[in-house]
Amino acid sequence: METDISDTGRLEQLPKWLNLIPMVTQWLWLSVRYRSITLPSSCNPAIVTGGMVGEGKMDYFDAMGDRALAFVTPTVCLTCDGEAGLGAVDAAMASAAIHYPVVVKPNLGWCGYGVRKIDSSAQMLGYLKVYPTGEQFVIQDWLADAGEAGIFYMRHPGEAYGEVIGMLLREYP
């Protein structure tokens, strides 16, 4: 049986369009204030639309240096080929020393849709059967630690170094 790891608290169970209201409101306010609808997307010019929407997970991994990647669980990205892609999945996982259980998620995701814990090759086959053909997905080792951590790092253009400006630690109820 597949486990949906995106099932969290009540606020995250609200309709996704409702969660976007604050972001869209701020975007519109900044657009009016600075007379540019695209200005909010320029806060991080190295990422598609400044990280607001449309970037893939692998875009972040590709931008990370060796030092940062040393702290990331092994990761592979593949394009879905339906059931026929199971051989490619097995080969990519073996090459990256990734073993079941794993987390599988769309490269271009949104709010946890399509994120699954997969415990076996049979479950992976089931995932591939329903995943959109031609779309990329990411496979990572399953980390059994509870909760989630996010680190917010900022570097001004032209500066060699930045700083950590915030950290989010979340434990699921």
N, C-alpha and C. Protein backbone atom coordinates (compact mmCIF):
# COMPACT_ATOMS: atom_id res chain seq x y z
N MET A 1 0.83 -1.19 0.00
CA MET A 1 0.00 0.00 0.00
C MET A 1 0.87 1.24 0.00
N GLU A 2 0.52 2.23 -0.83
CA GLU A 2 1.28 3.47 -0.90
C GLU A 2 0.95 4.35 0.30
N THR A 3 1.94 5.05 0.79
CA THR A 3 1.75 5.97 1.89
C THR A 3 1.90 7.38 1.36
N ASP A 4 0.91 8.22 1.56
CA ASP A 4 0.97 9.60 1.13
C ASP A 4 1.59 10.41 2.25
N ILE A 5 2.85 10.84 2.05
CA ILE A 5 3.55 11.55 3.11
C ILE A 5 3.22 13.04 3.13
N SER A 6 2.36 13.48 2.23
CA SER A 6 2.01 14.90 2.22
C SER A 6 0.84 15.19 3.15
N ASP A 7 0.28 14.19 3.80
CA ASP A 7 -0.86 14.39 4.69
C ASP A 7 -0.36 14.97 6.01
N THR A 8 -0.65 16.24 6.24
CA THR A 8 -0.15 16.91 7.44
C THR A 8 -1.28 17.60 8.18
N GLY A 9 -1.05 18.79 8.67
CA GLY A 9 -2.01 19.50 9.50
C GLY A 9 -3.21 20.06 8.77
N ARG A 10 -4.16 20.59 9.55
CA ARG A 10 -5.42 21.10 9.00
C ARG A 10 -5.22 22.24 8.01
N LEU A 11 -4.31 23.18 8.29
CA LEU A 11 -4.10 24.29 7.36
C LEU A 11 -3.65 23.80 5.99
N GLU A 12 -2.86 22.76 5.97
CA GLU A 12 -2.37 22.24 4.70
C GLU A 12 -3.42 21.40 3.99
N GLN A 13 -4.55 21.16 4.62
CA GLN A 13 -5.63 20.41 3.98
C GLN A 13 -6.65 21.34 3.34
N LEU A 14 -6.45 22.66 3.50
CA LEU A 14 -7.32 23.62 2.85
C LEU A 14 -7.16 23.52 1.33
N PRO A 15 -8.15 23.96 0.57
CA PRO A 15 -7.99 23.97 -0.89
C PRO A 15 -6.75 24.79 -1.27
N LYS A 16 -5.98 24.30 -2.23
CA LYS A 16 -4.71 24.95 -2.58
C LYS A 16 -4.91 26.38 -3.07
N TRP A 17 -6.02 26.66 -3.76
CA TRP A 17 -6.24 28.02 -4.23
C TRP A 17 -6.39 28.97 -3.05
N LEU A 18 -6.92 28.49 -1.93
CA LEU A 18 -7.07 29.32 -0.75
C LEU A 18 -5.72 29.66 -0.13
N ASN A 19 -4.79 28.70 -0.18
CA ASN A 19 -3.44 28.95 0.33
C ASN A 19 -2.69 29.99 -0.51
N LEU A 20 -3.08 30.16 -1.77
CA LEU A 20 -2.38 31.10 -2.65
C LEU A 20 -2.84 32.55 -2.49
N ILE A 21 -3.96 32.76 -1.84
CA ILE A 21 -4.49 34.12 -1.72
C ILE A 21 -3.47 35.10 -1.11
N PRO A 22 -2.81 34.78 0.00
CA PRO A 22 -1.83 35.73 0.54
C PRO A 22 -0.67 36.01 -0.41
N MET A 23 -0.16 35.00 -1.10
CA MET A 23 0.96 35.20 -2.02
C MET A 23 0.54 36.06 -3.21
N VAL A 24 -0.61 35.75 -3.79
CA VAL A 24 -1.09 36.51 -4.94
C VAL A 24 -1.38 37.95 -4.53
N THR A 25 -1.96 38.15 -3.35
CA THR A 25 -2.24 39.50 -2.86
C THR A 25 -0.95 40.30 -2.72
N GLN A 26 0.08 39.68 -2.11
CA GLN A 26 1.36 40.38 -1.95
C GLN A 26 1.98 40.66 -3.31
N TRP A 27 1.92 39.70 -4.22
CA TRP A 27 2.48 39.89 -5.56
C TRP A 27 1.81 41.09 -6.24
N LEU A 28 0.49 41.14 -6.17
CA LEU A 28 -0.23 42.27 -6.79
C LEU A 28 0.13 43.59 -6.14
N TRP A 29 0.23 43.61 -4.79
CA TRP A 29 0.58 44.83 -4.08
C TRP A 29 1.98 45.31 -4.49
N LEU A 30 2.95 44.39 -4.54
CA LEU A 30 4.31 44.77 -4.95
C LEU A 30 4.34 45.22 -6.41
N SER A 31 3.53 44.59 -7.24
CA SER A 31 3.47 44.98 -8.65
C SER A 31 2.95 46.40 -8.82
N VAL A 32 1.94 46.75 -8.08
CA VAL A 32 1.39 48.11 -8.13
C VAL A 32 2.39 49.09 -7.53
N ARG A 33 2.92 48.76 -6.36
CA ARG A 33 3.83 49.66 -5.66
C ARG A 33 5.06 50.00 -6.50
N TYR A 34 5.64 48.98 -7.17
CA TYR A 34 6.87 49.19 -7.93
C TYR A 34 6.63 49.24 -9.44
N ARG A 35 5.37 49.29 -9.85
CA ARG A 35 4.96 49.44 -11.24
C ARG A 35 5.61 48.40 -12.17
N SER A 36 5.61 47.14 -11.70
CA SER A 36 6.17 46.05 -12.51
C SER A 36 5.58 44.73 -12.03
N ILE A 37 4.84 44.08 -12.89
CA ILE A 37 4.23 42.81 -12.49
C ILE A 37 5.27 41.70 -12.36
N THR A 38 6.43 41.85 -13.00
CA THR A 38 7.46 40.81 -12.92
C THR A 38 8.51 41.08 -11.84
N LEU A 39 8.49 42.23 -11.21
CA LEU A 39 9.50 42.56 -10.20
C LEU A 39 9.60 41.53 -9.08
N PRO A 40 8.48 41.05 -8.50
CA PRO A 40 8.64 40.07 -7.41
C PRO A 40 9.38 38.80 -7.83
N SER A 41 9.36 38.47 -9.10
CA SER A 41 10.05 37.25 -9.55
C SER A 41 11.54 37.46 -9.72
N SER A 42 12.03 38.68 -9.59
CA SER A 42 13.46 38.93 -9.78
C SER A 42 14.25 38.84 -8.48
N CYS A 43 13.60 38.45 -7.38
CA CYS A 43 14.31 38.37 -6.10
C CYS A 43 15.38 37.28 -6.12
N ASN A 44 15.26 36.29 -6.96
CA ASN A 44 16.27 35.24 -7.09
C ASN A 44 16.43 34.94 -8.58
N PRO A 45 17.19 35.77 -9.29
CA PRO A 45 17.25 35.65 -10.76
C PRO A 45 17.87 34.36 -11.28
N ALA A 46 18.54 33.58 -10.44
CA ALA A 46 19.14 32.33 -10.90
C ALA A 46 18.12 31.20 -10.97
N ILE A 47 16.90 31.44 -10.47
CA ILE A 47 15.86 30.42 -10.46
C ILE A 47 14.69 30.90 -11.30
N VAL A 48 14.09 29.99 -12.06
CA VAL A 48 12.94 30.32 -12.90
C VAL A 48 11.90 31.09 -12.08
N THR A 49 11.45 32.22 -12.59
CA THR A 49 10.49 33.13 -11.94
C THR A 49 10.87 33.46 -10.49
N GLY A 50 12.16 33.45 -10.20
CA GLY A 50 12.61 33.82 -8.86
C GLY A 50 12.21 32.85 -7.78
N GLY A 51 11.79 31.65 -8.16
CA GLY A 51 11.37 30.66 -7.18
C GLY A 51 9.92 30.78 -6.78
N MET A 52 9.18 31.65 -7.43
CA MET A 52 7.77 31.83 -7.08
C MET A 52 6.91 30.66 -7.56
N VAL A 53 7.17 30.18 -8.77
CA VAL A 53 6.41 29.08 -9.33
C VAL A 53 7.12 28.58 -10.59
N GLY A 54 7.06 27.27 -10.85
CA GLY A 54 7.55 26.74 -12.11
C GLY A 54 8.94 26.14 -12.11
N GLU A 55 9.67 26.26 -11.02
CA GLU A 55 11.01 25.68 -10.99
C GLU A 55 10.93 24.23 -10.55
N GLY A 56 11.85 23.44 -11.06
CA GLY A 56 11.91 22.04 -10.68
C GLY A 56 12.86 21.83 -9.51
N LYS A 57 12.66 20.74 -8.80
CA LYS A 57 13.54 20.41 -7.67
C LYS A 57 14.98 20.25 -8.14
N MET A 58 15.17 19.66 -9.32
CA MET A 58 16.52 19.43 -9.81
C MET A 58 17.22 20.74 -10.17
N ASP A 59 16.47 21.81 -10.45
CA ASP A 59 17.09 23.12 -10.69
C ASP A 59 17.89 23.55 -9.46
N TYR A 60 17.34 23.26 -8.28
CA TYR A 60 18.04 23.61 -7.04
C TYR A 60 19.28 22.73 -6.86
N PHE A 61 19.13 21.43 -7.08
CA PHE A 61 20.27 20.53 -6.92
C PHE A 61 21.38 20.87 -7.90
N ASP A 62 21.02 21.22 -9.14
CA ASP A 62 22.02 21.56 -10.15
C ASP A 62 22.79 22.82 -9.78
N ALA A 63 22.17 23.72 -9.01
CA ALA A 63 22.82 24.97 -8.62
C ALA A 63 23.67 24.81 -7.35
N MET A 64 23.52 23.70 -6.65
CA MET A 64 24.27 23.50 -5.40
C MET A 64 25.70 23.08 -5.70
N GLY A 65 26.61 23.52 -4.87
CA GLY A 65 28.00 23.12 -4.99
C GLY A 65 28.24 21.77 -4.32
N ASP A 66 29.44 21.25 -4.49
CA ASP A 66 29.80 19.96 -3.93
C ASP A 66 29.65 19.92 -2.41
N ARG A 67 29.99 21.02 -1.75
CA ARG A 67 29.90 21.06 -0.28
C ARG A 67 28.45 20.88 0.17
N ALA A 68 27.52 21.58 -0.46
CA ALA A 68 26.11 21.45 -0.10
C ALA A 68 25.55 20.08 -0.47
N LEU A 69 25.92 19.58 -1.64
CA LEU A 69 25.42 18.29 -2.09
C LEU A 69 25.87 17.14 -1.18
N ALA A 70 26.96 17.35 -0.45
CA ALA A 70 27.44 16.31 0.47
C ALA A 70 26.45 16.07 1.60
N PHE A 71 25.54 17.02 1.84
CA PHE A 71 24.57 16.90 2.92
C PHE A 71 23.18 16.51 2.43
N VAL A 72 23.06 16.19 1.15
CA VAL A 72 21.78 15.85 0.55
C VAL A 72 21.72 14.34 0.32
N THR A 73 20.57 13.75 0.62
CA THR A 73 20.39 12.32 0.37
C THR A 73 20.56 12.02 -1.12
N PRO A 74 21.04 10.84 -1.48
CA PRO A 74 21.18 10.51 -2.91
C PRO A 74 19.87 10.75 -3.67
N THR A 75 20.00 11.31 -4.86
CA THR A 75 18.84 11.73 -5.64
C THR A 75 19.06 11.40 -7.11
N VAL A 76 18.01 10.91 -7.76
CA VAL A 76 18.03 10.75 -9.21
C VAL A 76 16.75 11.34 -9.79
N CYS A 77 16.83 11.79 -11.03
CA CYS A 77 15.68 12.34 -11.73
C CYS A 77 15.53 11.60 -13.05
N LEU A 78 14.32 11.12 -13.32
CA LEU A 78 14.03 10.36 -14.53
C LEU A 78 12.79 10.92 -15.21
N THR A 79 12.66 10.61 -16.49
CA THR A 79 11.44 10.94 -17.22
C THR A 79 10.58 9.69 -17.28
N CYS A 80 9.31 9.82 -16.95
CA CYS A 80 8.42 8.67 -16.86
C CYS A 80 8.17 8.06 -18.24
N ASP A 81 8.32 6.75 -18.29
CA ASP A 81 8.04 5.98 -19.50
C ASP A 81 7.03 4.89 -19.18
N GLY A 82 6.14 5.18 -18.22
CA GLY A 82 5.13 4.20 -17.83
C GLY A 82 5.75 2.95 -17.26
N GLU A 83 5.05 1.84 -17.41
CA GLU A 83 5.51 0.55 -16.89
C GLU A 83 6.86 0.15 -17.46
N ALA A 84 7.12 0.55 -18.71
CA ALA A 84 8.37 0.18 -19.36
C ALA A 84 9.57 0.83 -18.68
N GLY A 85 9.34 1.86 -17.90
CA GLY A 85 10.43 2.58 -17.25
C GLY A 85 10.95 1.95 -15.99
N LEU A 86 10.37 0.84 -15.54
CA LEU A 86 10.81 0.23 -14.29
C LEU A 86 12.27 -0.20 -14.36
N GLY A 87 12.71 -0.69 -15.51
CA GLY A 87 14.12 -1.07 -15.67
C GLY A 87 15.05 0.12 -15.51
N ALA A 88 14.66 1.26 -16.08
CA ALA A 88 15.47 2.48 -15.95
C ALA A 88 15.50 2.95 -14.50
N VAL A 89 14.37 2.82 -13.81
CA VAL A 89 14.32 3.19 -12.39
C VAL A 89 15.27 2.31 -11.59
N ASP A 90 15.19 1.00 -11.80
CA ASP A 90 16.07 0.07 -11.08
C ASP A 90 17.54 0.39 -11.34
N ALA A 91 17.89 0.66 -12.60
CA ALA A 91 19.28 0.96 -12.96
C ALA A 91 19.74 2.27 -12.32
N ALA A 92 18.90 3.30 -12.36
CA ALA A 92 19.28 4.60 -11.79
C ALA A 92 19.43 4.50 -10.28
N MET A 93 18.53 3.77 -9.63
CA MET A 93 18.63 3.60 -8.18
C MET A 93 19.90 2.84 -7.81
N ALA A 94 20.22 1.79 -8.56
CA ALA A 94 21.43 1.02 -8.28
C ALA A 94 22.68 1.87 -8.47
N SER A 95 22.69 2.66 -9.53
CA SER A 95 23.84 3.52 -9.83
C SER A 95 24.07 4.57 -8.73
N ALA A 96 22.99 5.06 -8.14
CA ALA A 96 23.09 6.09 -7.09
C ALA A 96 23.10 5.48 -5.69
N ALA A 97 23.11 4.15 -5.59
CA ALA A 97 23.09 3.44 -4.29
C ALA A 97 21.86 3.83 -3.47
N ILE A 98 20.71 3.92 -4.15
CA ILE A 98 19.43 4.20 -3.50
C ILE A 98 18.68 2.88 -3.37
N HIS A 99 18.13 2.62 -2.18
CA HIS A 99 17.43 1.37 -1.92
C HIS A 99 16.06 1.67 -1.31
N TYR A 100 15.11 0.77 -1.54
CA TYR A 100 13.78 0.91 -0.94
C TYR A 100 13.88 0.85 0.57
N PRO A 101 13.08 1.61 1.29
CA PRO A 101 12.04 2.52 0.82
C PRO A 101 12.63 3.83 0.28
N VAL A 102 11.88 4.44 -0.64
CA VAL A 102 12.28 5.71 -1.26
C VAL A 102 11.10 6.68 -1.22
N VAL A 103 11.42 7.93 -1.49
CA VAL A 103 10.39 8.95 -1.71
C VAL A 103 10.44 9.27 -3.20
N VAL A 104 9.28 9.27 -3.83
CA VAL A 104 9.17 9.61 -5.24
C VAL A 104 8.27 10.84 -5.32
N LYS A 105 8.68 11.81 -6.14
CA LYS A 105 7.90 13.05 -6.25
C LYS A 105 8.12 13.68 -7.62
N PRO A 106 7.15 14.44 -8.07
CA PRO A 106 7.33 15.15 -9.33
C PRO A 106 8.49 16.13 -9.23
N ASN A 107 9.27 16.26 -10.30
CA ASN A 107 10.34 17.26 -10.30
C ASN A 107 9.72 18.65 -10.20
N LEU A 108 8.67 18.87 -10.93
CA LEU A 108 7.95 20.13 -10.89
C LEU A 108 6.69 19.88 -10.08
N GLY A 109 6.76 20.11 -8.79
CA GLY A 109 5.65 19.77 -7.91
C GLY A 109 4.92 20.98 -7.38
N TRP A 110 3.90 20.68 -6.58
CA TRP A 110 3.13 21.75 -5.98
C TRP A 110 2.41 21.20 -4.75
N CYS A 111 2.84 21.64 -3.61
CA CYS A 111 2.15 21.36 -2.34
C CYS A 111 2.00 19.88 -2.05
N GLY A 112 2.96 19.07 -2.42
CA GLY A 112 2.95 17.66 -2.05
C GLY A 112 2.18 16.74 -2.98
N TYR A 113 1.58 17.27 -4.05
CA TYR A 113 0.87 16.37 -4.97
C TYR A 113 1.85 15.41 -5.61
N GLY A 114 1.52 14.14 -5.64
CA GLY A 114 2.34 13.14 -6.28
C GLY A 114 3.50 12.63 -5.45
N VAL A 115 3.64 13.11 -4.22
CA VAL A 115 4.72 12.65 -3.35
C VAL A 115 4.27 11.37 -2.66
N ARG A 116 5.09 10.33 -2.79
CA ARG A 116 4.74 9.04 -2.21
C ARG A 116 5.96 8.37 -1.61
N LYS A 117 5.72 7.62 -0.56
CA LYS A 117 6.72 6.71 -0.02
C LYS A 117 6.50 5.39 -0.74
N ILE A 118 7.55 4.86 -1.33
CA ILE A 118 7.47 3.61 -2.09
C ILE A 118 8.37 2.60 -1.40
N ASP A 119 7.79 1.45 -1.02
CA ASP A 119 8.52 0.44 -0.26
C ASP A 119 9.07 -0.71 -1.10
N SER A 120 8.64 -0.83 -2.36
CA SER A 120 9.05 -2.00 -3.15
C SER A 120 8.97 -1.70 -4.64
N SER A 121 9.56 -2.60 -5.41
CA SER A 121 9.52 -2.49 -6.86
C SER A 121 8.07 -2.57 -7.37
N ALA A 122 7.24 -3.39 -6.71
CA ALA A 122 5.83 -3.51 -7.12
C ALA A 122 5.10 -2.18 -6.91
N GLN A 123 5.36 -1.50 -5.81
CA GLN A 123 4.74 -0.20 -5.58
C GLN A 123 5.25 0.82 -6.59
N MET A 124 6.55 0.75 -6.94
CA MET A 124 7.11 1.66 -7.93
C MET A 124 6.41 1.46 -9.27
N LEU A 125 6.15 0.22 -9.64
CA LEU A 125 5.45 -0.07 -10.88
C LEU A 125 4.06 0.56 -10.86
N GLY A 126 3.36 0.45 -9.73
CA GLY A 126 2.05 1.08 -9.60
C GLY A 126 2.12 2.59 -9.76
N TYR A 127 3.16 3.20 -9.20
CA TYR A 127 3.35 4.65 -9.32
C TYR A 127 3.58 5.03 -10.79
N LEU A 128 4.44 4.27 -11.46
CA LEU A 128 4.76 4.57 -12.85
C LEU A 128 3.55 4.42 -13.77
N LYS A 129 2.64 3.51 -13.44
CA LYS A 129 1.45 3.28 -14.26
C LYS A 129 0.55 4.52 -14.29
N VAL A 130 0.49 5.26 -13.19
CA VAL A 130 -0.42 6.40 -13.11
C VAL A 130 0.27 7.74 -13.27
N TYR A 131 1.61 7.76 -13.25
CA TYR A 131 2.34 9.01 -13.39
C TYR A 131 2.32 9.44 -14.86
N PRO A 132 2.19 10.73 -15.15
CA PRO A 132 2.10 11.19 -16.55
C PRO A 132 3.36 10.85 -17.36
N THR A 133 3.18 10.16 -18.46
CA THR A 133 4.28 9.80 -19.36
C THR A 133 4.94 11.07 -19.89
N GLY A 134 6.26 11.05 -19.91
CA GLY A 134 7.01 12.20 -20.43
C GLY A 134 7.35 13.25 -19.38
N GLU A 135 6.80 13.12 -18.19
CA GLU A 135 7.08 14.09 -17.11
C GLU A 135 8.19 13.56 -16.21
N GLN A 136 9.00 14.47 -15.67
CA GLN A 136 10.11 14.07 -14.81
C GLN A 136 9.65 13.82 -13.38
N PHE A 137 10.33 12.87 -12.73
CA PHE A 137 10.09 12.61 -11.32
C PHE A 137 11.43 12.37 -10.64
N VAL A 138 11.46 12.61 -9.34
CA VAL A 138 12.67 12.53 -8.54
C VAL A 138 12.53 11.36 -7.56
N ILE A 139 13.62 10.61 -7.38
CA ILE A 139 13.66 9.52 -6.41
C ILE A 139 14.76 9.83 -5.41
N GLN A 140 14.43 9.73 -4.13
CA GLN A 140 15.40 9.95 -3.06
C GLN A 140 15.25 8.87 -2.01
N ASP A 141 16.35 8.61 -1.30
CA ASP A 141 16.27 7.71 -0.14
C ASP A 141 15.23 8.24 0.84
N TRP A 142 14.49 7.34 1.43
CA TRP A 142 13.52 7.68 2.47
C TRP A 142 14.29 7.97 3.75
N LEU A 143 14.05 9.12 4.34
CA LEU A 143 14.65 9.46 5.63
C LEU A 143 13.56 9.32 6.67
N ALA A 144 13.76 8.44 7.62
CA ALA A 144 12.71 8.12 8.59
C ALA A 144 12.56 9.15 9.69
N ASP A 145 13.39 10.17 9.71
CA ASP A 145 13.29 11.19 10.75
C ASP A 145 11.97 11.94 10.64
N ALA A 146 11.37 12.22 11.78
CA ALA A 146 10.09 12.94 11.80
C ALA A 146 10.33 14.43 11.54
N GLY A 147 9.36 15.07 10.92
CA GLY A 147 9.42 16.51 10.73
C GLY A 147 10.12 16.92 9.45
N GLU A 148 10.33 18.21 9.36
CA GLU A 148 10.90 18.80 8.15
C GLU A 148 11.70 20.01 8.58
N ALA A 149 12.76 20.30 7.85
CA ALA A 149 13.57 21.49 8.13
C ALA A 149 13.77 22.27 6.84
N GLY A 150 13.71 23.57 6.95
CA GLY A 150 13.99 24.45 5.83
C GLY A 150 14.97 25.51 6.27
N ILE A 151 15.96 25.77 5.44
CA ILE A 151 16.97 26.79 5.75
C ILE A 151 16.85 27.88 4.70
N PHE A 152 16.77 29.12 5.16
CA PHE A 152 16.65 30.27 4.26
C PHE A 152 17.99 31.00 4.22
N TYR A 153 18.58 31.03 3.04
CA TYR A 153 19.91 31.58 2.82
C TYR A 153 19.79 32.75 1.87
N MET A 154 20.53 33.83 2.14
CA MET A 154 20.47 35.00 1.28
C MET A 154 21.88 35.47 0.96
N ARG A 155 22.11 35.78 -0.31
CA ARG A 155 23.37 36.37 -0.75
C ARG A 155 23.03 37.50 -1.71
N HIS A 156 23.51 38.68 -1.41
CA HIS A 156 23.27 39.83 -2.28
C HIS A 156 24.10 39.70 -3.55
N PRO A 157 23.58 40.18 -4.68
CA PRO A 157 24.34 40.13 -5.93
C PRO A 157 25.70 40.82 -5.75
N GLY A 158 26.72 40.20 -6.30
CA GLY A 158 28.05 40.79 -6.22
C GLY A 158 28.83 40.41 -4.97
N GLU A 159 28.17 39.85 -3.97
CA GLU A 159 28.87 39.45 -2.75
C GLU A 159 29.33 38.00 -2.88
N ALA A 160 30.49 37.70 -2.32
CA ALA A 160 31.04 36.34 -2.40
C ALA A 160 30.31 35.39 -1.47
N TYR A 161 29.84 35.87 -0.34
CA TYR A 161 29.21 35.02 0.65
C TYR A 161 27.87 35.60 1.08
N GLY A 162 27.00 34.72 1.53
CA GLY A 162 25.72 35.15 2.06
C GLY A 162 25.60 34.73 3.51
N GLU A 163 24.36 34.69 3.98
CA GLU A 163 24.14 34.28 5.37
C GLU A 163 22.81 33.56 5.49
N VAL A 164 22.73 32.72 6.51
CA VAL A 164 21.48 32.06 6.82
C VAL A 164 20.61 33.09 7.53
N ILE A 165 19.43 33.35 6.98
CA ILE A 165 18.56 34.37 7.57
C ILE A 165 17.35 33.78 8.30
N GLY A 166 17.18 32.48 8.20
CA GLY A 166 16.07 31.87 8.91
C GLY A 166 16.10 30.36 8.82
N MET A 167 15.40 29.74 9.74
CA MET A 167 15.29 28.28 9.73
C MET A 167 13.88 27.92 10.16
N LEU A 168 13.33 26.96 9.48
CA LEU A 168 12.00 26.47 9.80
C LEU A 168 12.12 25.03 10.22
N LEU A 169 11.66 24.71 11.41
CA LEU A 169 11.60 23.34 11.88
C LEU A 169 10.13 23.02 12.10
N ARG A 170 9.66 21.97 11.43
CA ARG A 170 8.25 21.63 11.54
C ARG A 170 8.13 20.17 11.96
N GLU A 171 7.33 19.95 12.98
CA GLU A 171 7.02 18.59 13.40
C GLU A 171 5.53 18.37 13.13
N TYR A 172 5.22 17.22 12.55
CA TYR A 172 3.84 16.93 12.21
C TYR A 172 3.07 16.53 13.44
N PRO A 173 1.84 17.02 13.55
CA PRO A 173 1.03 16.69 14.74
C PRO A 173 0.68 15.21 14.80
